[in-house]
Amino acid sequence: MFEEVPSFVDYHCHLDLYPDYEKQFRACDAKRIATLAVTTTPRAWPRNKVLTGTTSLVRVGLGFHPQLVGDHVEDLRLFAKYLPEARFVGEVGLDAGPAHYKTFADQKRTFETILKLCAQAGGKILSVHSVRSAREVISMIETHLTGTDNRVVLHWFTGSVAEARRAAGWGCYFSINQAMLGKTSTIMLIKGLPKERLLTETDGPFTKIGTRPTIPSDVAETTNLLATILQESPQETRKLLISNLTQLEKRTQCAGV
């Protein structure tokens, strides 16, 4: 568990993609933000592992982003090499958007292999991408991770209400960012989810506030907006999110780092 009780949660942020990434790692500790620093390629794992070793509130995810699979299929061997060192996995998943659909078959084969590897290893927490592919992602999770002690956080979920309920029924968590909260459909989806399965994220630096990239401390405003949706005080929602994170991490065995 965390060495100190965090104040906020950013459970999906690409810390290594900021120009001042070392500063961002330190800022998460200084501002007490429990952060999952996801990566887009297993090639980034060694550097990120070293950086998180110097912090108390940042975890690092071993990732293989579906948008990169088409050009880097061979990196799957590297992913398998590093997986024994990693408790957290992300960003992984599927992307059936127009720009990436041509590699969808390769994405599915890669994601299936990743899920099988996680099932064999056990004790992993996965941050999963599911653009225009929620049904396929959920089906693959059900097929390969049911009966294991792995857990899944669906990042920036844009599937249907029925798909969200199906995923929640399996045991998935959902990480919510500020960009999602401007849509009525997403707000209705969130209201229909179990509160104990919600987390917050930024997906920085890919999201922006005004013209600047979001940073982990921006989850404070996301927490406030989420509190309004849940009809709770910001303080109650902060406690809820920390409790949710604590329960998520307790439900997996301590594997790897």
C-alpha atoms as a PDB file:
ATOM      1  CA  MET A   1       0.000   0.000   0.000  1.00  0.00           C
ATOM      2  CA  PHE A   2       0.973   3.659  -0.052  1.00  0.00           C
ATOM      3  CA  GLU A   3       3.557   4.887   2.436  1.00  0.00           C
ATOM      4  CA  GLU A   4       1.295   7.852   3.242  1.00  0.00           C
ATOM      5  CA  VAL A   5      -2.419   8.467   2.801  1.00  0.00           C
ATOM      6  CA  PRO A   6      -2.963  10.313  -0.493  1.00  0.00           C
ATOM      7  CA  SER A   7      -5.297  13.246  -0.923  1.00  0.00           C
ATOM      8  CA  PHE A   8      -6.225  12.651  -4.565  1.00  0.00           C
ATOM      9  CA  VAL A   9      -6.099   9.941  -7.233  1.00  0.00           C
ATOM     10  CA  ASP A  10      -4.794  10.179 -10.815  1.00  0.00           C
ATOM     11  CA  TYR A  11      -4.994   6.581 -11.959  1.00  0.00           C
ATOM     12  CA  HIS A  12      -4.021   7.130 -15.581  1.00  0.00           C
ATOM     13  CA  CYS A  13      -1.392   9.692 -16.517  1.00  0.00           C
ATOM     14  CA  HIS A  14       1.533   9.551 -18.958  1.00  0.00           C
ATOM     15  CA  LEU A  15       4.080  11.190 -16.680  1.00  0.00           C
ATOM     16  CA  ASP A  16       7.017  10.201 -18.854  1.00  0.00           C
ATOM     17  CA  LEU A  17       5.626  12.189 -21.814  1.00  0.00           C
ATOM     18  CA  TYR A  18       5.868  15.613 -20.127  1.00  0.00           C
ATOM     19  CA  PRO A  19       8.955  17.690 -21.030  1.00  0.00           C
ATOM     20  CA  ASP A  20       9.585  18.149 -17.291  1.00  0.00           C
ATOM     21  CA  TYR A  21       8.660  14.568 -16.404  1.00  0.00           C
ATOM     22  CA  GLU A  22      11.032  14.266 -13.432  1.00  0.00           C
ATOM     23  CA  LYS A  23       9.427  17.361 -11.900  1.00  0.00           C
ATOM     24  CA  GLN A  24       5.972  15.856 -12.431  1.00  0.00           C
ATOM     25  CA  PHE A  25       6.982  12.670 -10.615  1.00  0.00           C
ATOM     26  CA  ARG A  26       8.159  14.719  -7.619  1.00  0.00           C
ATOM     27  CA  ALA A  27       5.052  16.913  -7.685  1.00  0.00           C
ATOM     28  CA  CYS A  28       2.789  13.889  -7.223  1.00  0.00           C
ATOM     29  CA  ASP A  29       4.470  13.185  -3.890  1.00  0.00           C
ATOM     30  CA  ALA A  30       4.521  16.836  -2.857  1.00  0.00           C
ATOM     31  CA  LYS A  31       0.796  17.243  -3.535  1.00  0.00           C
ATOM     32  CA  ARG A  32      -0.094  13.758  -2.257  1.00  0.00           C
ATOM     33  CA  ILE A  33      -1.589  12.480  -5.503  1.00  0.00           C
ATOM     34  CA  ALA A  34      -1.692   8.700  -5.851  1.00  0.00           C
ATOM     35  CA  THR A  35      -0.720   8.339  -9.497  1.00  0.00           C
ATOM     36  CA  LEU A  36      -0.545   5.462 -11.938  1.00  0.00           C
ATOM     37  CA  ALA A  37       2.093   6.465 -14.486  1.00  0.00           C
ATOM     38  CA  VAL A  38       1.101   4.431 -17.519  1.00  0.00           C
ATOM     39  CA  THR A  39       3.460   3.896 -20.433  1.00  0.00           C
ATOM     40  CA  THR A  40       2.769   3.408 -24.133  1.00  0.00           C
ATOM     41  CA  THR A  41       5.599   0.992 -24.918  1.00  0.00           C
ATOM     42  CA  PRO A  42       7.524  -1.605 -22.909  1.00  0.00           C
ATOM     43  CA  ARG A  43      10.670   0.188 -24.045  1.00  0.00           C
ATOM     44  CA  ALA A  44       9.801   2.919 -21.518  1.00  0.00           C
ATOM     45  CA  TRP A  45       9.611   0.509 -18.573  1.00  0.00           C
ATOM     46  CA  PRO A  46      13.221   0.601 -17.291  1.00  0.00           C
ATOM     47  CA  ARG A  47      13.413   4.404 -17.055  1.00  0.00           C
ATOM     48  CA  ASN A  48       9.980   4.699 -15.453  1.00  0.00           C
ATOM     49  CA  LYS A  49      10.723   1.944 -12.970  1.00  0.00           C
ATOM     50  CA  VAL A  50      13.803   3.844 -11.793  1.00  0.00           C
ATOM     51  CA  LEU A  51      11.840   7.094 -11.440  1.00  0.00           C
ATOM     52  CA  THR A  52       9.027   5.543  -9.410  1.00  0.00           C
ATOM     53  CA  GLY A  53      11.584   3.994  -7.108  1.00  0.00           C
ATOM     54  CA  THR A  54      12.287   7.508  -5.827  1.00  0.00           C
ATOM     55  CA  THR A  55       8.635   8.328  -4.999  1.00  0.00           C
ATOM     56  CA  SER A  56       6.070   7.104  -2.487  1.00  0.00           C
ATOM     57  CA  LEU A  57       2.822   7.829  -4.339  1.00  0.00           C
ATOM     58  CA  VAL A  58       3.588   7.009  -7.979  1.00  0.00           C
ATOM     59  CA  ARG A  59       3.171   3.546  -9.449  1.00  0.00           C
ATOM     60  CA  VAL A  60       4.343   2.680 -12.951  1.00  0.00           C
ATOM     61  CA  GLY A  61       2.421   0.594 -15.461  1.00  0.00           C
ATOM     62  CA  LEU A  62       4.041  -1.648 -18.044  1.00  0.00           C
ATOM     63  CA  GLY A  63       2.284  -0.644 -21.234  1.00  0.00           C
ATOM     64  CA  PHE A  64       1.812  -1.530 -24.876  1.00  0.00           C
ATOM     65  CA  HIS A  65      -0.639   0.991 -26.317  1.00  0.00           C
ATOM     66  CA  PRO A  66      -2.965  -0.470 -28.968  1.00  0.00           C
ATOM     67  CA  GLN A  67      -2.291   2.488 -31.270  1.00  0.00           C
ATOM     68  CA  LEU A  68       1.377   1.438 -31.442  1.00  0.00           C
ATOM     69  CA  VAL A  69       0.842  -2.267 -32.040  1.00  0.00           C
ATOM     70  CA  GLY A  70       0.866  -2.007 -35.835  1.00  0.00           C
ATOM     71  CA  ASP A  71       4.408  -0.619 -35.945  1.00  0.00           C
ATOM     72  CA  HIS A  72       5.868  -2.479 -32.978  1.00  0.00           C
ATOM     73  CA  VAL A  73       4.389  -5.987 -32.835  1.00  0.00           C
ATOM     74  CA  GLU A  74       7.824  -7.328 -31.929  1.00  0.00           C
ATOM     75  CA  ASP A  75       7.696  -5.379 -28.636  1.00  0.00           C
ATOM     76  CA  LEU A  76       5.382  -8.042 -27.229  1.00  0.00           C
ATOM     77  CA  ARG A  77       8.460 -10.125 -26.417  1.00  0.00           C
ATOM     78  CA  LEU A  78       9.840  -7.182 -24.468  1.00  0.00           C
ATOM     79  CA  PHE A  79       6.520  -6.832 -22.619  1.00  0.00           C
ATOM     80  CA  ALA A  80       6.684 -10.491 -21.593  1.00  0.00           C
ATOM     81  CA  LYS A  81      10.277 -10.034 -20.420  1.00  0.00           C
ATOM     82  CA  TYR A  82       9.405  -7.157 -18.070  1.00  0.00           C
ATOM     83  CA  LEU A  83       6.027  -8.403 -16.817  1.00  0.00           C
ATOM     84  CA  PRO A  84       7.454 -10.355 -13.834  1.00  0.00           C
ATOM     85  CA  GLU A  85       8.775  -7.008 -12.505  1.00  0.00           C
ATOM     86  CA  ALA A  86       5.452  -5.173 -12.841  1.00  0.00           C
ATOM     87  CA  ARG A  87       2.417  -5.186 -10.599  1.00  0.00           C
ATOM     88  CA  PHE A  88       0.654  -2.580 -12.762  1.00  0.00           C
ATOM     89  CA  VAL A  89      -0.059  -2.952 -16.483  1.00  0.00           C
ATOM     90  CA  GLY A  90      -1.095  -0.112 -18.761  1.00  0.00           C
ATOM     91  CA  GLU A  91      -1.830   1.321 -21.084  1.00  0.00           C
ATOM     92  CA  VAL A  92      -3.091  -1.722 -22.973  1.00  0.00           C
ATOM     93  CA  GLY A  93      -6.306  -2.607 -24.788  1.00  0.00           C
ATOM     94  CA  LEU A  94      -8.004  -2.092 -28.138  1.00  0.00           C
ATOM     95  CA  ASP A  95      -8.670   0.887 -30.411  1.00  0.00           C
ATOM     96  CA  ALA A  96     -11.154   0.473 -33.275  1.00  0.00           C
ATOM     97  CA  GLY A  97     -11.186   4.161 -34.184  1.00  0.00           C
ATOM     98  CA  PRO A  98     -10.833   5.044 -37.887  1.00  0.00           C
ATOM     99  CA  ALA A  99      -7.136   5.882 -37.634  1.00  0.00           C
ATOM    100  CA  HIS A 100      -6.218   2.524 -36.095  1.00  0.00           C
ATOM    101  CA  TYR A 101      -8.819   0.026 -37.255  1.00  0.00           C
ATOM    102  CA  LYS A 102      -6.478  -1.359 -39.937  1.00  0.00           C
ATOM    103  CA  THR A 103      -4.358  -2.916 -37.153  1.00  0.00           C
ATOM    104  CA  PHE A 104      -7.324  -4.184 -35.139  1.00  0.00           C
ATOM    105  CA  ALA A 105      -6.601  -7.872 -35.794  1.00  0.00           C
ATOM    106  CA  ASP A 106      -3.011  -7.419 -34.580  1.00  0.00           C
ATOM    107  CA  GLN A 107      -4.298  -5.442 -31.599  1.00  0.00           C
ATOM    108  CA  LYS A 108      -6.627  -8.286 -30.615  1.00  0.00           C
ATOM    109  CA  ARG A 109      -3.868 -10.869 -30.848  1.00  0.00           C
ATOM    110  CA  THR A 110      -1.556  -8.661 -28.781  1.00  0.00           C
ATOM    111  CA  PHE A 111      -4.177  -7.871 -26.133  1.00  0.00           C
ATOM    112  CA  GLU A 112      -5.121 -11.549 -25.879  1.00  0.00           C
ATOM    113  CA  THR A 113      -1.484 -12.454 -25.271  1.00  0.00           C
ATOM    114  CA  ILE A 114      -1.166  -9.724 -22.634  1.00  0.00           C
ATOM    115  CA  LEU A 115      -4.282 -10.979 -20.834  1.00  0.00           C
ATOM    116  CA  LYS A 116      -3.033 -14.564 -20.921  1.00  0.00           C
ATOM    117  CA  LEU A 117       0.335 -13.489 -19.531  1.00  0.00           C
ATOM    118  CA  CYS A 118      -1.388 -11.543 -16.737  1.00  0.00           C
ATOM    119  CA  ALA A 119      -3.648 -14.498 -15.968  1.00  0.00           C
ATOM    120  CA  GLN A 120      -0.616 -16.765 -15.617  1.00  0.00           C
ATOM    121  CA  ALA A 121       1.284 -14.276 -13.466  1.00  0.00           C
ATOM    122  CA  GLY A 122      -1.613 -13.096 -11.278  1.00  0.00           C
ATOM    123  CA  GLY A 123      -1.847 -10.067  -9.035  1.00  0.00           C
ATOM    124  CA  LYS A 124      -1.859  -7.411 -11.764  1.00  0.00           C
ATOM    125  CA  ILE A 125      -3.920  -4.207 -12.021  1.00  0.00           C
ATOM    126  CA  LEU A 126      -4.550  -3.284 -15.645  1.00  0.00           C
ATOM    127  CA  SER A 127      -5.450   0.156 -17.029  1.00  0.00           C
ATOM    128  CA  VAL A 128      -7.318  -0.609 -20.248  1.00  0.00           C
ATOM    129  CA  HIS A 129      -8.085   1.430 -23.372  1.00  0.00           C
ATOM    130  CA  SER A 130     -11.332   0.507 -25.188  1.00  0.00           C
ATOM    131  CA  VAL A 131     -12.078   3.073 -27.914  1.00  0.00           C
ATOM    132  CA  ARG A 132     -15.015   1.848 -30.028  1.00  0.00           C
ATOM    133  CA  SER A 133     -14.260  -1.644 -28.740  1.00  0.00           C
ATOM    134  CA  ALA A 134     -15.865  -1.919 -25.308  1.00  0.00           C
ATOM    135  CA  ARG A 135     -17.763  -5.106 -26.108  1.00  0.00           C
ATOM    136  CA  GLU A 136     -14.656  -6.871 -27.428  1.00  0.00           C
ATOM    137  CA  VAL A 137     -12.513  -5.671 -24.520  1.00  0.00           C
ATOM    138  CA  ILE A 138     -15.022  -6.803 -21.898  1.00  0.00           C
ATOM    139  CA  SER A 139     -15.495 -10.181 -23.588  1.00  0.00           C
ATOM    140  CA  MET A 140     -11.733 -10.761 -23.677  1.00  0.00           C
ATOM    141  CA  ILE A 141     -11.384  -9.773 -20.022  1.00  0.00           C
ATOM    142  CA  GLU A 142     -14.170 -12.165 -19.071  1.00  0.00           C
ATOM    143  CA  THR A 143     -12.603 -14.960 -21.106  1.00  0.00           C
ATOM    144  CA  HIS A 144      -9.044 -14.654 -19.883  1.00  0.00           C
ATOM    145  CA  LEU A 145      -9.128 -13.059 -16.404  1.00  0.00           C
ATOM    146  CA  THR A 146     -12.205 -14.604 -14.767  1.00  0.00           C
ATOM    147  CA  GLY A 147     -11.119 -16.697 -11.803  1.00  0.00           C
ATOM    148  CA  THR A 148      -7.786 -14.872 -11.422  1.00  0.00           C
ATOM    149  CA  ASP A 149      -6.798 -12.253  -8.860  1.00  0.00           C
ATOM    150  CA  ASN A 150      -6.129  -9.628 -11.550  1.00  0.00           C
ATOM    151  CA  ARG A 151      -8.214  -6.436 -11.594  1.00  0.00           C
ATOM    152  CA  VAL A 152      -9.101  -4.070 -14.441  1.00  0.00           C
ATOM    153  CA  VAL A 153      -9.598  -0.291 -14.542  1.00  0.00           C
ATOM    154  CA  LEU A 154     -11.353   0.853 -17.700  1.00  0.00           C
ATOM    155  CA  HIS A 155      -9.717   4.136 -18.668  1.00  0.00           C
ATOM    156  CA  TRP A 156     -11.875   6.874 -20.287  1.00  0.00           C
ATOM    157  CA  PHE A 157     -14.715   4.420 -20.895  1.00  0.00           C
ATOM    158  CA  THR A 158     -17.000   5.425 -23.788  1.00  0.00           C
ATOM    159  CA  GLY A 159     -19.081   2.290 -24.181  1.00  0.00           C
ATOM    160  CA  SER A 160     -22.810   1.974 -23.613  1.00  0.00           C
ATOM    161  CA  VAL A 161     -24.625   1.899 -20.277  1.00  0.00           C
ATOM    162  CA  ALA A 162     -25.280  -1.817 -20.782  1.00  0.00           C
ATOM    163  CA  GLU A 163     -21.597  -2.462 -21.464  1.00  0.00           C
ATOM    164  CA  ALA A 164     -20.587  -0.445 -18.394  1.00  0.00           C
ATOM    165  CA  ARG A 165     -22.939  -2.470 -16.211  1.00  0.00           C
ATOM    166  CA  ARG A 166     -21.593  -5.696 -17.675  1.00  0.00           C
ATOM    167  CA  ALA A 167     -18.031  -4.603 -16.924  1.00  0.00           C
ATOM    168  CA  ALA A 168     -18.962  -3.504 -13.400  1.00  0.00           C
ATOM    169  CA  GLY A 169     -20.661  -6.846 -12.849  1.00  0.00           C
ATOM    170  CA  TRP A 170     -17.410  -8.583 -13.716  1.00  0.00           C
ATOM    171  CA  GLY A 171     -15.550  -6.362 -11.264  1.00  0.00           C
ATOM    172  CA  CYS A 172     -14.081  -3.577 -13.385  1.00  0.00           C
ATOM    173  CA  TYR A 173     -13.292  -0.127 -12.041  1.00  0.00           C
ATOM    174  CA  PHE A 174     -13.648   3.059 -14.107  1.00  0.00           C
ATOM    175  CA  SER A 175     -11.213   5.999 -14.144  1.00  0.00           C
ATOM    176  CA  ILE A 176     -12.947   9.300 -14.913  1.00  0.00           C
ATOM    177  CA  ASN A 177     -11.312  12.443 -16.304  1.00  0.00           C
ATOM    178  CA  GLN A 178     -12.572  15.995 -16.591  1.00  0.00           C
ATOM    179  CA  ALA A 179     -13.009  15.830 -20.375  1.00  0.00           C
ATOM    180  CA  MET A 180     -15.576  13.068 -19.882  1.00  0.00           C
ATOM    181  CA  LEU A 181     -17.762  15.140 -17.581  1.00  0.00           C
ATOM    182  CA  GLY A 182     -18.924  17.568 -20.252  1.00  0.00           C
ATOM    183  CA  LYS A 183     -21.164  14.970 -21.876  1.00  0.00           C
ATOM    184  CA  THR A 184     -24.662  14.222 -20.599  1.00  0.00           C
ATOM    185  CA  SER A 185     -24.416  10.618 -21.781  1.00  0.00           C
ATOM    186  CA  THR A 186     -21.248  10.053 -19.769  1.00  0.00           C
ATOM    187  CA  ILE A 187     -22.732  11.662 -16.672  1.00  0.00           C
ATOM    188  CA  MET A 188     -25.745   9.330 -16.903  1.00  0.00           C
ATOM    189  CA  LEU A 189     -23.407   6.373 -17.317  1.00  0.00           C
ATOM    190  CA  ILE A 190     -21.433   7.383 -14.214  1.00  0.00           C
ATOM    191  CA  LYS A 191     -24.612   7.774 -12.183  1.00  0.00           C
ATOM    192  CA  GLY A 192     -25.521   4.199 -13.051  1.00  0.00           C
ATOM    193  CA  LEU A 193     -22.229   2.719 -11.859  1.00  0.00           C
ATOM    194  CA  PRO A 194     -21.482   1.497  -8.339  1.00  0.00           C
ATOM    195  CA  LYS A 195     -19.790   4.392  -6.523  1.00  0.00           C
ATOM    196  CA  GLU A 196     -17.233   2.027  -5.059  1.00  0.00           C
ATOM    197  CA  ARG A 197     -15.864   1.332  -8.569  1.00  0.00           C
ATOM    198  CA  LEU A 198     -15.006   4.936  -9.471  1.00  0.00           C
ATOM    199  CA  LEU A 199     -11.545   6.486  -9.674  1.00  0.00           C
ATOM    200  CA  THR A 200     -10.223   9.704 -11.211  1.00  0.00           C
ATOM    201  CA  GLU A 201      -7.577  10.260 -13.868  1.00  0.00           C
ATOM    202  CA  THR A 202      -6.164  13.010 -16.074  1.00  0.00           C
ATOM    203  CA  ASP A 203      -4.778  11.124 -19.102  1.00  0.00           C
ATOM    204  CA  GLY A 204      -2.305  13.967 -19.235  1.00  0.00           C
ATOM    205  CA  PRO A 205      -0.636  15.313 -21.243  1.00  0.00           C
ATOM    206  CA  PHE A 206      -3.176  14.221 -23.890  1.00  0.00           C
ATOM    207  CA  THR A 207      -5.997  16.202 -22.275  1.00  0.00           C
ATOM    208  CA  LYS A 208      -5.923  19.956 -21.834  1.00  0.00           C
ATOM    209  CA  ILE A 209      -7.328  22.710 -19.661  1.00  0.00           C
ATOM    210  CA  GLY A 210      -7.482  25.729 -21.894  1.00  0.00           C
ATOM    211  CA  THR A 211      -4.273  25.552 -23.904  1.00  0.00           C
ATOM    212  CA  ARG A 212      -2.087  23.764 -21.388  1.00  0.00           C
ATOM    213  CA  PRO A 213      -1.807  20.007 -20.846  1.00  0.00           C
ATOM    214  CA  THR A 214      -3.458  18.681 -17.721  1.00  0.00           C
ATOM    215  CA  ILE A 215      -1.223  17.666 -14.841  1.00  0.00           C
ATOM    216  CA  PRO A 216      -2.004  15.299 -11.957  1.00  0.00           C
ATOM    217  CA  SER A 217      -3.061  18.091  -9.587  1.00  0.00           C
ATOM    218  CA  ASP A 218      -5.956  18.842 -11.951  1.00  0.00           C
ATOM    219  CA  VAL A 219      -7.773  15.833 -10.523  1.00  0.00           C
ATOM    220  CA  ALA A 220      -8.807  18.139  -7.666  1.00  0.00           C
ATOM    221  CA  GLU A 221     -11.280  19.843  -9.997  1.00  0.00           C
ATOM    222  CA  THR A 222     -12.360  16.503 -11.467  1.00  0.00           C
ATOM    223  CA  THR A 223     -13.092  15.357  -7.929  1.00  0.00           C
ATOM    224  CA  ASN A 224     -15.228  18.444  -7.322  1.00  0.00           C
ATOM    225  CA  LEU A 225     -17.194  17.878 -10.531  1.00  0.00           C
ATOM    226  CA  LEU A 226     -17.666  14.218  -9.688  1.00  0.00           C
ATOM    227  CA  ALA A 227     -18.929  15.194  -6.236  1.00  0.00           C
ATOM    228  CA  THR A 228     -21.663  17.270  -7.855  1.00  0.00           C
ATOM    229  CA  ILE A 229     -22.716  14.326 -10.033  1.00  0.00           C
ATOM    230  CA  LEU A 230     -22.771  11.998  -7.028  1.00  0.00           C
ATOM    231  CA  GLN A 231     -24.564  14.636  -4.924  1.00  0.00           C
ATOM    232  CA  GLU A 232     -21.885  14.496  -2.264  1.00  0.00           C
ATOM    233  CA  SER A 233     -19.499  17.024  -0.788  1.00  0.00           C
ATOM    234  CA  PRO A 234     -16.000  17.221  -2.293  1.00  0.00           C
ATOM    235  CA  GLN A 235     -14.611  15.915   1.000  1.00  0.00           C
ATOM    236  CA  GLU A 236     -16.893  12.869   0.906  1.00  0.00           C
ATOM    237  CA  THR A 237     -15.935  12.166  -2.704  1.00  0.00           C
ATOM    238  CA  ARG A 238     -12.231  12.444  -1.927  1.00  0.00           C
ATOM    239  CA  LYS A 239     -12.649   9.877   0.851  1.00  0.00           C
ATOM    240  CA  LEU A 240     -14.650   7.649  -1.477  1.00  0.00           C
ATOM    241  CA  LEU A 241     -11.956   7.705  -4.159  1.00  0.00           C
ATOM    242  CA  ILE A 242      -9.150   6.949  -1.716  1.00  0.00           C
ATOM    243  CA  SER A 243     -11.220   4.116  -0.242  1.00  0.00           C
ATOM    244  CA  ASN A 244     -11.912   2.734  -3.714  1.00  0.00           C
ATOM    245  CA  LEU A 245      -8.223   2.814  -4.583  1.00  0.00           C
ATOM    246  CA  THR A 246      -7.288   1.157  -1.311  1.00  0.00           C
ATOM    247  CA  GLN A 247      -9.799  -1.647  -1.858  1.00  0.00           C
ATOM    248  CA  LEU A 248      -8.662  -2.138  -5.466  1.00  0.00           C
ATOM    249  CA  GLU A 249      -5.040  -2.573  -4.469  1.00  0.00           C
ATOM    250  CA  LYS A 250      -5.913  -4.826  -1.540  1.00  0.00           C
ATOM    251  CA  ARG A 251      -7.749  -7.170  -3.879  1.00  0.00           C
ATOM    252  CA  THR A 252      -4.628  -8.098  -5.768  1.00  0.00           C
ATOM    253  CA  GLN A 253      -1.717  -9.983  -4.363  1.00  0.00           C
ATOM    254  CA  CYS A 254       1.593  -8.154  -4.156  1.00  0.00           C
ATOM    255  CA  ALA A 255       3.297  -9.421  -7.279  1.00  0.00           C
ATOM    256  CA  GLY A 256       6.483  -7.954  -8.721  1.00  0.00           C
ATOM    257  CA  VAL A 257       7.338  -4.447  -7.571  1.00  0.00           C
END
